PDB file of N, CA and C in Angstrom:
ATOM      1  N   UNK A   1       0.852  -1.174   0.000  1.00  0.00           N
ATOM      2  CA  UNK A   1       0.000   0.000   0.000  1.00  0.00           C
ATOM      3  C   UNK A   1       0.894   1.232   0.000  1.00  0.00           C
ATOM      4  N   UNK A   2       0.630   2.163  -0.897  1.00  0.00           N
ATOM      5  CA  UNK A   2       1.472   3.353  -0.984  1.00  0.00           C
ATOM      6  C   UNK A   2       1.228   4.261   0.210  1.00  0.00           C
ATOM      7  N   UNK A   3       2.181   5.152   0.483  1.00  0.00           N
ATOM      8  CA  UNK A   3       2.097   6.039   1.645  1.00  0.00           C
ATOM      9  C   UNK A   3       0.855   6.925   1.630  1.00  0.00           C
ATOM     10  N   UNK A   4       0.488   7.570   0.496  1.00  0.00           N
ATOM     11  CA  UNK A   4      -0.722   8.398   0.523  1.00  0.00           C
ATOM     12  C   UNK A   4      -1.972   7.579   0.846  1.00  0.00           C
ATOM     13  N   UNK A   5      -2.071   6.346   0.306  1.00  0.00           N
ATOM     14  CA  UNK A   5      -3.233   5.522   0.575  1.00  0.00           C
ATOM     15  C   UNK A   5      -3.266   5.092   2.037  1.00  0.00           C
ATOM     16  N   UNK A   6      -2.119   4.720   2.587  1.00  0.00           N
ATOM     17  CA  UNK A   6      -2.056   4.326   3.995  1.00  0.00           C
ATOM     18  C   UNK A   6      -2.498   5.497   4.866  1.00  0.00           C
ATOM     19  N   UNK A   7      -2.093   6.694   4.514  1.00  0.00           N
ATOM     20  CA  UNK A   7      -2.481   7.888   5.250  1.00  0.00           C
ATOM     21  C   UNK A   7      -4.007   8.055   5.202  1.00  0.00           C
ATOM     22  N   UNK A   8      -4.616   7.832   4.027  1.00  0.00           N
ATOM     23  CA  UNK A   8      -6.067   7.967   3.872  1.00  0.00           C
ATOM     24  C   UNK A   8      -6.815   7.007   4.786  1.00  0.00           C
ATOM     25  N   UNK A   9      -6.434   5.740   4.790  1.00  0.00           N
ATOM     26  CA  UNK A   9      -7.147   4.760   5.602  1.00  0.00           C
ATOM     27  C   UNK A   9      -6.894   5.000   7.084  1.00  0.00           C
ATOM     28  N   UNK A  10      -5.683   5.385   7.446  1.00  0.00           N
ATOM     29  CA  UNK A  10      -5.400   5.667   8.861  1.00  0.00           C
ATOM     30  C   UNK A  10      -6.234   6.840   9.355  1.00  0.00           C
ATOM     31  N   UNK A  11      -6.348   7.885   8.537  1.00  0.00           N
ATOM     32  CA  UNK A  11      -7.165   9.042   8.904  1.00  0.00           C
ATOM     33  C   UNK A  11      -8.638   8.643   9.025  1.00  0.00           C
ATOM     34  N   UNK A  12      -9.123   7.856   8.060  1.00  0.00           N
ATOM     35  CA  UNK A  12     -10.512   7.403   8.103  1.00  0.00           C
ATOM     36  C   UNK A  12     -10.778   6.598   9.376  1.00  0.00           C
ATOM     37  N   UNK A  13      -9.882   5.675   9.705  1.00  0.00           N
ATOM     38  CA  UNK A  13     -10.071   4.850  10.896  1.00  0.00           C
ATOM     39  C   UNK A  13     -10.025   5.677  12.181  1.00  0.00           C
ATOM     40  N   UNK A  14      -9.207   6.716  12.217  1.00  0.00           N
ATOM     41  CA  UNK A  14      -9.188   7.620  13.367  1.00  0.00           C
ATOM     42  C   UNK A  14     -10.541   8.314  13.514  1.00  0.00           C
ATOM     43  N   UNK A  15     -11.099   8.754  12.395  1.00  0.00           N
ATOM     44  CA  UNK A  15     -12.418   9.394  12.412  1.00  0.00           C
ATOM     45  C   UNK A  15     -13.494   8.421  12.872  1.00  0.00           C
ATOM     46  N   UNK A  16     -13.422   7.189  12.383  1.00  0.00           N
ATOM     47  CA  UNK A  16     -14.394   6.170  12.786  1.00  0.00           C
ATOM     48  C   UNK A  16     -14.302   5.949  14.290  1.00  0.00           C
ATOM     49  N   UNK A  17     -13.092   5.780  14.787  1.00  0.00           N
ATOM     50  CA  UNK A  17     -12.911   5.499  16.208  1.00  0.00           C
ATOM     51  C   UNK A  17     -13.428   6.649  17.074  1.00  0.00           C
ATOM     52  N   UNK A  18     -13.223   7.886  16.631  1.00  0.00           N
ATOM     53  CA  UNK A  18     -13.709   9.041  17.387  1.00  0.00           C
ATOM     54  C   UNK A  18     -15.230   9.124  17.357  1.00  0.00           C
ATOM     55  N   UNK A  19     -15.823   8.809  16.209  1.00  0.00           N
ATOM     56  CA  UNK A  19     -17.271   8.931  16.027  1.00  0.00           C
ATOM     57  C   UNK A  19     -18.032   7.727  16.576  1.00  0.00           C
ATOM     58  N   UNK A  20     -17.447   6.542  16.380  1.00  0.00           N
ATOM     59  CA  UNK A  20     -18.151   5.307  16.742  1.00  0.00           C
ATOM     60  C   UNK A  20     -17.142   4.295  17.289  1.00  0.00           C
ATOM     61  N   UNK A  21     -16.801   4.412  18.578  1.00  0.00           N
ATOM     62  CA  UNK A  21     -15.775   3.538  19.155  1.00  0.00           C
ATOM     63  C   UNK A  21     -16.084   2.042  19.069  1.00  0.00           C
ATOM     64  N   UNK A  22     -17.355   1.673  18.883  1.00  0.00           N
ATOM     65  CA  UNK A  22     -17.699   0.251  18.804  1.00  0.00           C
ATOM     66  C   UNK A  22     -17.644  -0.291  17.374  1.00  0.00           C
ATOM     67  N   UNK A  23     -17.281   0.557  16.409  1.00  0.00           N
ATOM     68  CA  UNK A  23     -17.200   0.112  15.017  1.00  0.00           C
ATOM     69  C   UNK A  23     -16.118  -0.957  14.857  1.00  0.00           C
ATOM     70  N   UNK A  24     -16.308  -1.811  13.867  1.00  0.00           N
ATOM     71  CA  UNK A  24     -15.366  -2.892  13.579  1.00  0.00           C
ATOM     72  C   UNK A  24     -14.283  -2.367  12.630  1.00  0.00           C
ATOM     73  N   UNK A  25     -13.196  -1.874  13.199  1.00  0.00           N
ATOM     74  CA  UNK A  25     -12.121  -1.265  12.411  1.00  0.00           C
ATOM     75  C   UNK A  25     -11.451  -2.281  11.490  1.00  0.00           C
ATOM     76  N   UNK A  26     -11.367  -3.517  11.930  1.00  0.00           N
ATOM     77  CA  UNK A  26     -10.744  -4.561  11.112  1.00  0.00           C
ATOM     78  C   UNK A  26     -11.561  -4.782   9.831  1.00  0.00           C
ATOM     79  N   UNK A  27     -12.882  -4.814   9.956  1.00  0.00           N
ATOM     80  CA  UNK A  27     -13.752  -5.004   8.794  1.00  0.00           C
ATOM     81  C   UNK A  27     -13.671  -3.802   7.854  1.00  0.00           C
ATOM     82  N   UNK A  28     -13.626  -2.597   8.421  1.00  0.00           N
ATOM     83  CA  UNK A  28     -13.522  -1.385   7.600  1.00  0.00           C
ATOM     84  C   UNK A  28     -12.195  -1.360   6.864  1.00  0.00           C
ATOM     85  N   UNK A  29     -11.110  -1.708   7.531  1.00  0.00           N
ATOM     86  CA  UNK A  29      -9.798  -1.757   6.862  1.00  0.00           C
ATOM     87  C   UNK A  29      -9.820  -2.793   5.739  1.00  0.00           C
ATOM     88  N   UNK A  30     -10.436  -3.945   5.975  1.00  0.00           N
ATOM     89  CA  UNK A  30     -10.528  -4.981   4.938  1.00  0.00           C
ATOM     90  C   UNK A  30     -11.327  -4.477   3.734  1.00  0.00           C
ATOM     91  N   UNK A  31     -12.408  -3.731   3.987  1.00  0.00           N
ATOM     92  CA  UNK A  31     -13.199  -3.162   2.884  1.00  0.00           C
ATOM     93  C   UNK A  31     -12.366  -2.163   2.100  1.00  0.00           C
ATOM     94  N   UNK A  32     -11.603  -1.355   2.803  1.00  0.00           N
ATOM     95  CA  UNK A  32     -10.706  -0.400   2.135  1.00  0.00           C
ATOM     96  C   UNK A  32      -9.687  -1.140   1.263  1.00  0.00           C
ATOM     97  N   UNK A  33      -9.067  -2.158   1.820  1.00  0.00           N
ATOM     98  CA  UNK A  33      -8.046  -2.897   1.071  1.00  0.00           C
ATOM     99  C   UNK A  33      -8.645  -3.558  -0.170  1.00  0.00           C
ATOM    100  N   UNK A  34      -9.863  -4.094  -0.056  1.00  0.00           N
ATOM    101  CA  UNK A  34     -10.533  -4.690  -1.224  1.00  0.00           C
ATOM    102  C   UNK A  34     -10.850  -3.628  -2.267  1.00  0.00           C
ATOM    103  N   UNK A  35     -11.378  -2.499  -1.818  1.00  0.00           N
ATOM    104  CA  UNK A  35     -11.704  -1.420  -2.754  1.00  0.00           C
ATOM    105  C   UNK A  35     -10.447  -0.891  -3.429  1.00  0.00           C
ATOM    106  N   UNK A  36      -9.383  -0.711  -2.660  1.00  0.00           N
ATOM    107  CA  UNK A  36      -8.128  -0.208  -3.230  1.00  0.00           C
ATOM    108  C   UNK A  36      -7.580  -1.179  -4.269  1.00  0.00           C
ATOM    109  N   UNK A  37      -7.638  -2.470  -3.964  1.00  0.00           N
ATOM    110  CA  UNK A  37      -7.158  -3.480  -4.915  1.00  0.00           C
ATOM    111  C   UNK A  37      -8.054  -3.521  -6.155  1.00  0.00           C
ATOM    112  N   UNK A  38      -9.375  -3.444  -5.948  1.00  0.00           N
ATOM    113  CA  UNK A  38     -10.312  -3.508  -7.071  1.00  0.00           C
ATOM    114  C   UNK A  38     -10.155  -2.302  -8.004  1.00  0.00           C
ATOM    115  N   UNK A  39      -9.852  -1.145  -7.437  1.00  0.00           N
ATOM    116  CA  UNK A  39      -9.717   0.088  -8.230  1.00  0.00           C
ATOM    117  C   UNK A  39      -8.267   0.381  -8.619  1.00  0.00           C
ATOM    118  N   UNK A  40      -7.374  -0.560  -8.338  1.00  0.00           N
ATOM    119  CA  UNK A  40      -5.944  -0.381  -8.661  1.00  0.00           C
ATOM    120  C   UNK A  40      -5.779   0.028 -10.117  1.00  0.00           C
ATOM    121  N   UNK A  41      -5.040   1.101 -10.337  1.00  0.00           N
ATOM    122  CA  UNK A  41      -4.765   1.573 -11.688  1.00  0.00           C
ATOM    123  C   UNK A  41      -5.818   2.525 -12.241  1.00  0.00           C
ATOM    124  N   UNK A  42      -6.974   2.599 -11.593  1.00  0.00           N
ATOM    125  CA  UNK A  42      -8.003   3.548 -12.042  1.00  0.00           C
ATOM    126  C   UNK A  42      -7.679   4.939 -11.506  1.00  0.00           C
ATOM    127  N   UNK A  43      -7.921   5.932 -12.340  1.00  0.00           N
ATOM    128  CA  UNK A  43      -7.631   7.315 -11.958  1.00  0.00           C
ATOM    129  C   UNK A  43      -8.890   8.161 -12.087  1.00  0.00           C
ATOM    130  N   UNK A  44      -8.945   9.210 -11.294  1.00  0.00           N
ATOM    131  CA  UNK A  44      -9.995  10.205 -11.426  1.00  0.00           C
ATOM    132  C   UNK A  44      -9.604  11.145 -12.564  1.00  0.00           C
ATOM    133  N   UNK A  45     -10.518  11.976 -12.988  1.00  0.00           N
ATOM    134  CA  UNK A  45     -10.223  12.894 -14.102  1.00  0.00           C
ATOM    135  C   UNK A  45      -9.008  13.763 -13.835  1.00  0.00           C
ATOM    136  N   UNK A  46      -8.780  14.112 -12.559  1.00  0.00           N
ATOM    137  CA  UNK A  46      -7.639  14.966 -12.224  1.00  0.00           C
ATOM    138  C   UNK A  46      -6.334  14.187 -12.078  1.00  0.00           C
ATOM    139  N   UNK A  47      -6.382  12.874 -12.327  1.00  0.00           N
ATOM    140  CA  UNK A  47      -5.179  12.054 -12.276  1.00  0.00           C
ATOM    141  C   UNK A  47      -4.913  11.393 -10.939  1.00  0.00           C
ATOM    142  N   UNK A  48      -5.673  11.737  -9.909  1.00  0.00           N
ATOM    143  CA  UNK A  48      -5.490  11.115  -8.595  1.00  0.00           C
ATOM    144  C   UNK A  48      -6.007   9.680  -8.622  1.00  0.00           C
ATOM    145  N   UNK A  49      -5.495   8.838  -7.740  1.00  0.00           N
ATOM    146  CA  UNK A  49      -6.004   7.461  -7.661  1.00  0.00           C
ATOM    147  C   UNK A  49      -7.507   7.462  -7.352  1.00  0.00           C
ATOM    148  N   UNK A  50      -8.252   6.580  -7.993  1.00  0.00           N
ATOM    149  CA  UNK A  50      -9.706   6.555  -7.838  1.00  0.00           C
ATOM    150  C   UNK A  50     -10.145   6.307  -6.402  1.00  0.00           C
ATOM    151  N   UNK A  51      -9.352   5.569  -5.639  1.00  0.00           N
ATOM    152  CA  UNK A  51      -9.731   5.189  -4.267  1.00  0.00           C
ATOM    153  C   UNK A  51     -10.020   6.412  -3.396  1.00  0.00           C
ATOM    154  N   UNK A  52      -9.528   7.561  -3.778  1.00  0.00           N
ATOM    155  CA  UNK A  52      -9.787   8.788  -3.020  1.00  0.00           C
ATOM    156  C   UNK A  52     -11.291   9.050  -2.921  1.00  0.00           C
ATOM    157  N   UNK A  53     -12.034   8.756  -3.994  1.00  0.00           N
ATOM    158  CA  UNK A  53     -13.483   8.988  -3.985  1.00  0.00           C
ATOM    159  C   UNK A  53     -14.204   8.078  -2.982  1.00  0.00           C
ATOM    160  N   UNK A  54     -14.024   6.758  -3.019  1.00  0.00           N
ATOM    161  CA  UNK A  54     -14.700   5.926  -2.015  1.00  0.00           C
ATOM    162  C   UNK A  54     -14.322   6.290  -0.575  1.00  0.00           C
ATOM    163  N   UNK A  55     -13.091   6.692  -0.350  1.00  0.00           N
ATOM    164  CA  UNK A  55     -12.682   7.101   0.995  1.00  0.00           C
ATOM    165  C   UNK A  55     -13.450   8.362   1.414  1.00  0.00           C
ATOM    166  N   UNK A  56     -13.619   9.303   0.489  1.00  0.00           N
ATOM    167  CA  UNK A  56     -14.370  10.523   0.794  1.00  0.00           C
ATOM    168  C   UNK A  56     -15.834  10.196   1.103  1.00  0.00           C
ATOM    169  N   UNK A  57     -16.409   9.275   0.354  1.00  0.00           N
ATOM    170  CA  UNK A  57     -17.789   8.847   0.612  1.00  0.00           C
ATOM    171  C   UNK A  57     -17.882   8.204   1.994  1.00  0.00           C
ATOM    172  N   UNK A  58     -16.932   7.333   2.309  1.00  0.00           N
ATOM    173  CA  UNK A  58     -16.924   6.673   3.622  1.00  0.00           C
ATOM    174  C   UNK A  58     -16.799   7.702   4.748  1.00  0.00           C
ATOM    175  N   UNK A  59     -16.010   8.722   4.537  1.00  0.00           N
ATOM    176  CA  UNK A  59     -15.835   9.779   5.551  1.00  0.00           C
ATOM    177  C   UNK A  59     -17.167  10.476   5.816  1.00  0.00           C
ATOM    178  N   UNK A  60     -17.931  10.765   4.782  1.00  0.00           N
ATOM    179  CA  UNK A  60     -19.253  11.378   4.948  1.00  0.00           C
ATOM    180  C   UNK A  60     -20.160  10.441   5.757  1.00  0.00           C
ATOM    181  N   UNK A  61     -20.100   9.156   5.441  1.00  0.00           N
ATOM    182  CA  UNK A  61     -20.913   8.162   6.151  1.00  0.00           C
ATOM    183  C   UNK A  61     -20.526   8.115   7.627  1.00  0.00           C
ATOM    184  N   UNK A  62     -19.236   8.206   7.909  1.00  0.00           N
ATOM    185  CA  UNK A  62     -18.761   8.245   9.299  1.00  0.00           C
ATOM    186  C   UNK A  62     -19.323   9.486   9.993  1.00  0.00           C
ATOM    187  N   UNK A  63     -19.240  10.633   9.335  1.00  0.00           N
ATOM    188  CA  UNK A  63     -19.736  11.881   9.919  1.00  0.00           C
ATOM    189  C   UNK A  63     -21.239  11.826  10.187  1.00  0.00           C
ATOM    190  N   UNK A  64     -21.958  11.019   9.405  1.00  0.00           N
ATOM    191  CA  UNK A  64     -23.399  10.856   9.611  1.00  0.00           C
ATOM    192  C   UNK A  64     -23.690   9.939  10.796  1.00  0.00           C
ATOM    193  N   UNK A  65     -22.665   9.287  11.324  1.00  0.00           N
ATOM    194  CA  UNK A  65     -22.830   8.418  12.480  1.00  0.00           C
ATOM    195  C   UNK A  65     -23.369   7.038  12.146  1.00  0.00           C
ATOM    196  N   UNK A  66     -23.194   6.603  10.899  1.00  0.00           N
ATOM    197  CA  UNK A  66     -23.710   5.303  10.489  1.00  0.00           C
ATOM    198  C   UNK A  66     -22.788   4.169  10.935  1.00  0.00           C
ATOM    199  N   UNK A  67     -23.264   2.948  10.777  1.00  0.00           N
ATOM    200  CA  UNK A  67     -22.599   1.766  11.310  1.00  0.00           C
ATOM    201  C   UNK A  67     -21.483   1.232  10.408  1.00  0.00           C
ATOM    202  N   UNK A  68     -20.836   0.194  10.913  1.00  0.00           N
ATOM    203  CA  UNK A  68     -19.712  -0.433  10.215  1.00  0.00           C
ATOM    204  C   UNK A  68     -20.088  -0.874   8.806  1.00  0.00           C
ATOM    205  N   UNK A  69     -21.230  -1.554   8.654  1.00  0.00           N
ATOM    206  CA  UNK A  69     -21.611  -2.052   7.331  1.00  0.00           C
ATOM    207  C   UNK A  69     -21.837  -0.910   6.347  1.00  0.00           C
ATOM    208  N   UNK A  70     -22.395   0.199   6.814  1.00  0.00           N
ATOM    209  CA  UNK A  70     -22.605   1.354   5.937  1.00  0.00           C
ATOM    210  C   UNK A  70     -21.273   1.962   5.499  1.00  0.00           C
ATOM    211  N   UNK A  71     -20.322   2.014   6.410  1.00  0.00           N
ATOM    212  CA  UNK A  71     -18.993   2.541   6.078  1.00  0.00           C
ATOM    213  C   UNK A  71     -18.322   1.635   5.052  1.00  0.00           C
ATOM    214  N   UNK A  72     -18.409   0.330   5.271  1.00  0.00           N
ATOM    215  CA  UNK A  72     -17.835  -0.628   4.314  1.00  0.00           C
ATOM    216  C   UNK A  72     -18.495  -0.467   2.945  1.00  0.00           C
ATOM    217  N   UNK A  73     -19.815  -0.312   2.932  1.00  0.00           N
ATOM    218  CA  UNK A  73     -20.526  -0.134   1.663  1.00  0.00           C
ATOM    219  C   UNK A  73     -20.071   1.143   0.962  1.00  0.00           C
ATOM    220  N   UNK A  74     -19.818   2.188   1.730  1.00  0.00           N
ATOM    221  CA  UNK A  74     -19.303   3.425   1.139  1.00  0.00           C
ATOM    222  C   UNK A  74     -17.963   3.212   0.455  1.00  0.00           C
ATOM    223  N   UNK A  75     -17.111   2.434   1.090  1.00  0.00           N
ATOM    224  CA  UNK A  75     -15.804   2.143   0.497  1.00  0.00           C
ATOM    225  C   UNK A  75     -15.921   1.273  -0.754  1.00  0.00           C
ATOM    226  N   UNK A  76     -16.903   0.389  -0.763  1.00  0.00           N
ATOM    227  CA  UNK A  76     -17.049  -0.584  -1.852  1.00  0.00           C
ATOM    228  C   UNK A  76     -18.092  -0.172  -2.893  1.00  0.00           C
ATOM    229  N   UNK A  77     -18.681   1.009  -2.750  1.00  0.00           N
ATOM    230  CA  UNK A  77     -19.878   1.350  -3.523  1.00  0.00           C
ATOM    231  C   UNK A  77     -19.707   1.364  -5.040  1.00  0.00           C
ATOM    232  N   UNK A  78     -18.525   1.552  -5.545  1.00  0.00           N
ATOM    233  CA  UNK A  78     -18.324   1.561  -7.001  1.00  0.00           C
ATOM    234  C   UNK A  78     -17.774   0.243  -7.537  1.00  0.00           C
ATOM    235  N   UNK A  79     -17.572  -0.721  -6.675  1.00  0.00           N
ATOM    236  CA  UNK A  79     -16.958  -1.979  -7.112  1.00  0.00           C
ATOM    237  C   UNK A  79     -17.826  -2.764  -8.089  1.00  0.00           C
ATOM    238  N   UNK A  80     -19.123  -2.878  -7.814  1.00  0.00           N
ATOM    239  CA  UNK A  80     -19.977  -3.700  -8.672  1.00  0.00           C
ATOM    240  C   UNK A  80     -20.010  -3.170 -10.095  1.00  0.00           C
ATOM    241  N   UNK A  81     -20.124  -1.848 -10.244  1.00  0.00           N
ATOM    242  CA  UNK A  81     -20.248  -1.302 -11.590  1.00  0.00           C
ATOM    243  C   UNK A  81     -18.912  -0.999 -12.270  1.00  0.00           C
ATOM    244  N   UNK A  82     -17.856  -0.832 -11.517  1.00  0.00           N
ATOM    245  CA  UNK A  82     -16.592  -0.373 -12.106  1.00  0.00           C
ATOM    246  C   UNK A  82     -15.437  -1.361 -12.043  1.00  0.00           C
ATOM    247  N   UNK A  83     -15.635  -2.519 -11.391  1.00  0.00           N
ATOM    248  CA  UNK A  83     -14.511  -3.446 -11.226  1.00  0.00           C
ATOM    249  C   UNK A  83     -15.006  -4.886 -11.391  1.00  0.00           C
ATOM    250  N   UNK A  84     -14.093  -5.813 -11.274  1.00  0.00           N
ATOM    251  CA  UNK A  84     -14.424  -7.237 -11.343  1.00  0.00           C
ATOM    252  C   UNK A  84     -14.897  -7.781  -9.995  1.00  0.00           C
ATOM    253  N   UNK A  85     -14.813  -6.972  -8.937  1.00  0.00           N
ATOM    254  CA  UNK A  85     -15.211  -7.377  -7.594  1.00  0.00           C
ATOM    255  C   UNK A  85     -16.716  -7.160  -7.473  1.00  0.00           C
ATOM    256  N   UNK A  86     -17.498  -8.214  -7.654  1.00  0.00           N
ATOM    257  CA  UNK A  86     -18.940  -8.105  -7.760  1.00  0.00           C
ATOM    258  C   UNK A  86     -19.702  -8.404  -6.485  1.00  0.00           C
ATOM    259  N   UNK A  87     -21.018  -8.482  -6.636  1.00  0.00           N
ATOM    260  CA  UNK A  87     -21.931  -8.704  -5.520  1.00  0.00           C
ATOM    261  C   UNK A  87     -21.547  -9.937  -4.701  1.00  0.00           C
ATOM    262  N   UNK A  88     -21.347 -11.069  -5.363  1.00  0.00           N
ATOM    263  CA  UNK A  88     -21.045 -12.322  -4.639  1.00  0.00           C
ATOM    264  C   UNK A  88     -19.740 -12.223  -3.858  1.00  0.00           C
ATOM    265  N   UNK A  89     -18.739 -11.588  -4.449  1.00  0.00           N
ATOM    266  CA  UNK A  89     -17.465 -11.427  -3.735  1.00  0.00           C
ATOM    267  C   UNK A  89     -17.655 -10.550  -2.499  1.00  0.00           C
ATOM    268  N   UNK A  90     -18.419  -9.478  -2.653  1.00  0.00           N
ATOM    269  CA  UNK A  90     -18.682  -8.602  -1.508  1.00  0.00           C
ATOM    270  C   UNK A  90     -19.474  -9.361  -0.443  1.00  0.00           C
ATOM    271  N   UNK A  91     -20.492 -10.087  -0.873  1.00  0.00           N
ATOM    272  CA  UNK A  91     -21.314 -10.849   0.074  1.00  0.00           C
ATOM    273  C   UNK A  91     -20.482 -11.901   0.815  1.00  0.00           C
ATOM    274  N   UNK A  92     -19.645 -12.613   0.086  1.00  0.00           N
ATOM    275  CA  UNK A  92     -18.809 -13.654   0.706  1.00  0.00           C
ATOM    276  C   UNK A  92     -17.818 -13.086   1.705  1.00  0.00           C
ATOM    277  N   UNK A  93     -17.263 -11.936   1.387  1.00  0.00           N
ATOM    278  CA  UNK A  93     -16.218 -11.365   2.233  1.00  0.00           C
ATOM    279  C   UNK A  93     -16.772 -10.485   3.362  1.00  0.00           C
ATOM    280  N   UNK A  94     -17.883  -9.764   3.089  1.00  0.00           N
ATOM    281  CA  UNK A  94     -18.366  -8.770   4.054  1.00  0.00           C
ATOM    282  C   UNK A  94     -19.799  -8.990   4.539  1.00  0.00           C
ATOM    283  N   UNK A  95     -20.489  -9.967   3.969  1.00  0.00           N
ATOM    284  CA  UNK A  95     -21.840 -10.278   4.415  1.00  0.00           C
ATOM    285  C   UNK A  95     -22.914  -9.706   3.496  1.00  0.00           C
ATOM    286  N   UNK A  96     -24.110 -10.257   3.655  1.00  0.00           N
ATOM    287  CA  UNK A  96     -25.240  -9.878   2.808  1.00  0.00           C
ATOM    288  C   UNK A  96     -25.621  -8.414   2.996  1.00  0.00           C
ATOM    289  N   UNK A  97     -25.573  -7.923   4.212  1.00  0.00           N
ATOM    290  CA  UNK A  97     -25.956  -6.536   4.487  1.00  0.00           C
ATOM    291  C   UNK A  97     -25.114  -5.553   3.676  1.00  0.00           C
ATOM    292  N   UNK A  98     -23.800  -5.729   3.685  1.00  0.00           N
ATOM    293  CA  UNK A  98     -22.915  -4.842   2.935  1.00  0.00           C
ATOM    294  C   UNK A  98     -23.176  -4.989   1.432  1.00  0.00           C
ATOM    295  N   UNK A  99     -23.306  -6.229   0.967  1.00  0.00           N
ATOM    296  CA  UNK A  99     -23.549  -6.464  -0.460  1.00  0.00           C
ATOM    297  C   UNK A  99     -24.847  -5.808  -0.918  1.00  0.00           C
ATOM    298  N   UNK A 100     -25.893  -5.901  -0.096  1.00  0.00           N
ATOM    299  CA  UNK A 100     -27.172  -5.295  -0.464  1.00  0.00           C
ATOM    300  C   UNK A 100     -27.100  -3.771  -0.461  1.00  0.00           C
ATOM    301  N   UNK A 101     -26.368  -3.199   0.479  1.00  0.00           N
ATOM    302  CA  UNK A 101     -26.180  -1.750   0.485  1.00  0.00           C
ATOM    303  C   UNK A 101     -25.449  -1.295  -0.773  1.00  0.00           C
ATOM    304  N   UNK A 102     -24.382  -1.990  -1.124  1.00  0.00           N
ATOM    305  CA  UNK A 102     -23.616  -1.644  -2.334  1.00  0.00           C
ATOM    306  C   UNK A 102     -24.492  -1.795  -3.569  1.00  0.00           C
ATOM    307  N   UNK A 103     -25.236  -2.888  -3.641  1.00  0.00           N
ATOM    308  CA  UNK A 103     -26.113  -3.123  -4.781  1.00  0.00           C
ATOM    309  C   UNK A 103     -27.196  -2.041  -4.872  1.00  0.00           C
ATOM    310  N   UNK A 104     -27.728  -1.631  -3.733  1.00  0.00           N
ATOM    311  CA  UNK A 104     -28.740  -0.578  -3.720  1.00  0.00           C
ATOM    312  C   UNK A 104     -28.206   0.738  -4.241  1.00  0.00           C
ATOM    313  N   UNK A 105     -27.002   1.087  -3.837  1.00  0.00           N
ATOM    314  CA  UNK A 105     -26.378   2.323  -4.323  1.00  0.00           C
ATOM    315  C   UNK A 105     -26.136   2.223  -5.825  1.00  0.00           C
ATOM    316  N   UNK A 106     -25.706   1.059  -6.284  1.00  0.00           N
ATOM    317  CA  UNK A 106     -25.474   0.854  -7.712  1.00  0.00           C
ATOM    318  C   UNK A 106     -26.774   1.041  -8.490  1.00  0.00           C
ATOM    319  N   UNK A 107     -27.853   0.493  -7.975  1.00  0.00           N
ATOM    320  CA  UNK A 107     -29.160   0.618  -8.642  1.00  0.00           C
ATOM    321  C   UNK A 107     -29.647   2.063  -8.641  1.00  0.00           C
ATOM    322  N   UNK A 108     -29.427   2.787  -7.550  1.00  0.00           N
ATOM    323  CA  UNK A 108     -29.815   4.198  -7.505  1.00  0.00           C
ATOM    324  C   UNK A 108     -29.090   4.997  -8.587  1.00  0.00           C
ATOM    325  N   UNK A 109     -27.828   4.676  -8.789  1.00  0.00           N
ATOM    326  CA  UNK A 109     -27.045   5.361  -9.819  1.00  0.00           C
ATOM    327  C   UNK A 109     -27.545   5.108 -11.227  1.00  0.00           C
ATOM    328  N   UNK A 110     -28.314   4.051 -11.404  1.00  0.00           N
ATOM    329  CA  UNK A 110     -28.834   3.709 -12.730  1.00  0.00           C
ATOM    330  C   UNK A 110     -30.177   4.372 -13.025  1.00  0.00           C
ATOM    331  N   UNK A 111     -30.795   5.000 -12.012  1.00  0.00           N
ATOM    332  CA  UNK A 111     -32.082   5.653 -12.233  1.00  0.00           C
ATOM    333  C   UNK A 111     -31.938   6.808 -13.204  1.00  0.00           C
ATOM    334  N   UNK A 112     -32.914   6.953 -14.044  1.00  0.00           N
ATOM    335  CA  UNK A 112     -32.960   8.075 -14.976  1.00  0.00           C
ATOM    336  C   UNK A 112     -34.167   8.919 -14.627  1.00  0.00           C
ATOM    337  N   UNK A 113     -33.977  10.213 -14.545  1.00  0.00           N
ATOM    338  CA  UNK A 113     -35.055  11.118 -14.194  1.00  0.00           C
ATOM    339  C   UNK A 113     -35.684  11.687 -15.454  1.00  0.00           C
ATOM    340  N   UNK A 114     -37.007  11.834 -15.416  1.00  0.00           N
ATOM    341  CA  UNK A 114     -37.703  12.372 -16.593  1.00  0.00           C
ATOM    342  C   UNK A 114     -37.769  13.887 -16.550  1.00  0.00           C
ATOM    343  N   UNK A 115     -37.689  14.477 -15.346  1.00  0.00           N
ATOM    344  CA  UNK A 115     -37.726  15.919 -15.195  1.00  0.00           C
ATOM    345  C   UNK A 115     -36.634  16.345 -14.241  1.00  0.00           C
ATOM    346  N   UNK A 116     -36.161  17.548 -14.454  1.00  0.00           N
ATOM    347  CA  UNK A 116     -35.103  18.052 -13.581  1.00  0.00           C
ATOM    348  C   UNK A 116     -35.550  18.104 -12.128  1.00  0.00           C
ATOM    349  N   UNK A 117     -36.817  18.428 -11.860  1.00  0.00           N
ATOM    350  CA  UNK A 117     -37.316  18.527 -10.495  1.00  0.00           C
ATOM    351  C   UNK A 117     -37.248  17.188  -9.777  1.00  0.00           C
ATOM    352  N   UNK A 118     -37.368  16.072 -10.483  1.00  0.00           N
ATOM    353  CA  UNK A 118     -37.337  14.765  -9.846  1.00  0.00           C
ATOM    354  C   UNK A 118     -35.973  14.435  -9.272  1.00  0.00           C
ATOM    355  N   UNK A 119     -34.957  15.137  -9.706  1.00  0.00           N
ATOM    356  CA  UNK A 119     -33.610  14.872  -9.224  1.00  0.00           C
ATOM    357  C   UNK A 119     -33.405  15.387  -7.799  1.00  0.00           C
ATOM    358  N   UNK A 120     -34.290  16.238  -7.329  1.00  0.00           N
ATOM    359  CA  UNK A 120     -34.097  16.844  -6.007  1.00  0.00           C
ATOM    360  C   UNK A 120     -35.073  16.363  -5.016  1.00  0.00           C
TER     361      UNK A 120
END
C-alpha cells in the first residue's frame, strides 16, 4: 500500500474510532483494502487514484454516524459497476448486508429522471 493511501485509511479509521468507538475497524480496513485493490490503476479525471473517492464517501458516512456495514458499503460502492469485484465477492467477504447496500447504491445510480425537479 502506498504512503498516501495508507495515510487515507489511517485518517478514516481515526475518524471512525472518534465517532463510533464500537465500530469494527478490522472489517472497515478490509473493505478499504478490497476497494483499493479492485480500483488499482483507475484514476480520477484529475489524475489522482480513484480510491480517493470511495474514501471521501466513507468519511461522509462516518460523519453521519452510520454503522460499520454502511462505512464498508461506502468504500465498496463503485466496485460492482466499475470493477471485477462483484456482488457475490462482496457478500462472501463482508456479508449480505454490505452487499445489499452496495447493490442498492449501484441501482440508484442507474435511475434516470424524466424531469429536472425529480432529481431533487
